Amino acid sequence: QIRVVNEHVLVEHVLNRPKGVPLITVTNHTSCMDDPHLWSALPRFGDSPRWVPGAKELVFFRLWHSLLFGCSRIVPVVRGHGVYQKGMDFTLEKLNEGGWAHIYP
């Protein structure tokens, strides 16, 4: 079961933020399938793609997982390697361009 709390707040910030202003959103999760399930339950955000750092060893360990999650804009990061790594650099670049990053702590 998916429970979305304050969906209207998320929609407001994603759709009505000024152009070029970065956005970071955060949700809890229980599995690597939460990302596709959560976003399928929410309205489409059109030209506001979100980038999600995802644990490389959990999400990108098989070819079809890599294809599925890569197409979902999941960025591979290695847990325990800190913020100074390619996946986090890429996410920061997207934020600096006014993009949207979503974090699952």
Protein backbone atom coordinates (compact mmCIF):
# COMPACT_ATOMS: atom_id res chain seq x y z
CA GLN A 1 0.00 0.00 0.00
CA ILE A 2 1.28 3.45 -0.91
CA ARG A 3 0.53 6.28 1.47
CA VAL A 4 1.22 9.80 0.19
CA VAL A 5 1.04 12.57 2.77
CA ASN A 6 0.83 16.24 1.68
CA GLU A 7 0.79 15.41 -2.03
CA HIS A 8 -0.48 18.93 -2.76
CA VAL A 9 2.68 20.43 -1.23
CA LEU A 10 4.92 18.32 -3.48
CA VAL A 11 2.87 19.14 -6.58
CA GLU A 12 2.92 22.86 -5.76
CA HIS A 13 6.70 22.97 -5.33
CA VAL A 14 7.49 20.88 -8.39
CA LEU A 15 5.13 22.61 -10.80
CA ASN A 16 5.24 26.20 -9.57
CA ARG A 17 8.86 26.83 -8.63
CA PRO A 18 10.64 29.56 -10.59
CA LYS A 19 12.62 28.41 -13.61
CA GLY A 20 16.25 27.65 -12.72
CA VAL A 21 15.56 27.15 -9.00
CA PRO A 22 16.80 23.73 -7.79
CA LEU A 23 14.55 21.46 -5.76
CA ILE A 24 15.46 18.69 -3.31
CA THR A 25 12.68 16.40 -2.07
CA VAL A 26 12.89 13.55 0.45
CA THR A 27 10.70 10.53 1.21
CA ASN A 28 11.04 7.40 3.30
CA HIS A 29 11.12 4.02 1.63
CA THR A 30 11.20 0.30 2.38
CA SER A 31 12.49 -1.26 -0.86
CA CYS A 32 14.15 -0.43 -4.17
CA MET A 33 10.74 -0.74 -5.84
CA ASP A 34 9.38 2.23 -3.87
CA ASP A 35 10.61 4.69 -6.48
CA PRO A 36 8.61 3.39 -9.47
CA HIS A 37 5.57 2.64 -7.31
CA LEU A 38 5.54 6.05 -5.61
CA TRP A 39 5.90 8.05 -8.79
CA SER A 40 3.27 5.99 -10.61
CA ALA A 41 0.78 7.00 -7.88
CA LEU A 42 1.46 10.73 -8.33
CA PRO A 43 0.51 13.07 -11.18
CA ARG A 44 2.95 13.38 -14.09
CA PHE A 45 5.32 16.30 -13.77
CA GLY A 46 5.99 16.76 -17.49
CA ASP A 47 9.26 18.59 -18.09
CA SER A 48 10.35 18.43 -14.44
CA PRO A 49 12.41 15.24 -14.34
CA ARG A 50 13.79 14.25 -10.95
CA TRP A 51 17.16 12.60 -10.43
CA VAL A 52 17.56 10.08 -7.62
CA PRO A 53 20.86 8.88 -6.14
CA GLY A 54 20.48 5.11 -5.72
CA ALA A 55 22.70 2.51 -4.06
CA LYS A 56 24.72 0.94 -6.87
CA GLU A 57 25.05 -2.43 -5.14
CA LEU A 58 21.25 -2.68 -4.64
CA VAL A 59 19.86 -1.11 -7.78
CA PHE A 60 22.40 -1.73 -10.55
CA PHE A 61 23.48 -5.31 -9.88
CA ARG A 62 21.75 -6.93 -12.90
CA LEU A 63 21.44 -5.74 -16.50
CA TRP A 64 17.66 -5.42 -16.51
CA HIS A 65 17.74 -3.57 -13.16
CA SER A 66 20.30 -1.16 -14.62
CA LEU A 67 18.10 -0.55 -17.65
CA LEU A 68 14.91 -0.09 -15.63
CA PHE A 69 16.34 2.19 -12.97
CA GLY A 70 18.62 4.04 -15.38
CA CYS A 71 15.58 4.97 -17.49
CA SER A 72 13.94 6.17 -14.27
CA ARG A 73 16.79 8.67 -13.76
CA ILE A 74 18.30 6.78 -10.86
CA VAL A 75 21.96 7.79 -10.48
CA PRO A 76 24.32 5.08 -9.16
CA VAL A 77 26.17 5.96 -5.96
CA VAL A 78 28.27 3.74 -3.71
CA ARG A 79 27.12 3.79 -0.10
CA GLY A 80 29.94 4.56 2.29
CA HIS A 81 32.01 6.47 -0.29
CA GLY A 82 30.77 9.88 0.85
CA VAL A 83 29.47 12.74 -1.25
CA TYR A 84 32.63 13.12 -3.36
CA GLN A 85 31.88 10.58 -6.10
CA LYS A 86 30.71 10.68 -9.72
CA GLY A 87 27.02 9.99 -9.02
CA MET A 88 26.78 12.79 -6.47
CA ASP A 89 28.75 15.14 -8.75
CA PHE A 90 26.22 14.41 -11.51
CA THR A 91 23.29 15.05 -9.16
CA LEU A 92 24.87 18.34 -8.03
CA GLU A 93 25.32 19.37 -11.68
CA LYS A 94 21.61 18.79 -12.27
CA LEU A 95 20.74 20.85 -9.18
CA ASN A 96 23.06 23.66 -10.31
CA GLU A 97 21.16 23.67 -13.61
CA GLY A 98 17.92 24.20 -11.67
CA GLY A 99 17.00 20.52 -11.62
CA TRP A 100 15.21 18.34 -9.14
CA ALA A 101 16.89 15.71 -6.94
CA HIS A 102 14.88 13.28 -4.86
CA ILE A 103 16.52 11.56 -1.89
CA TYR A 104 15.59 8.33 -0.13
CA PRO A 105 17.55 8.47 3.16
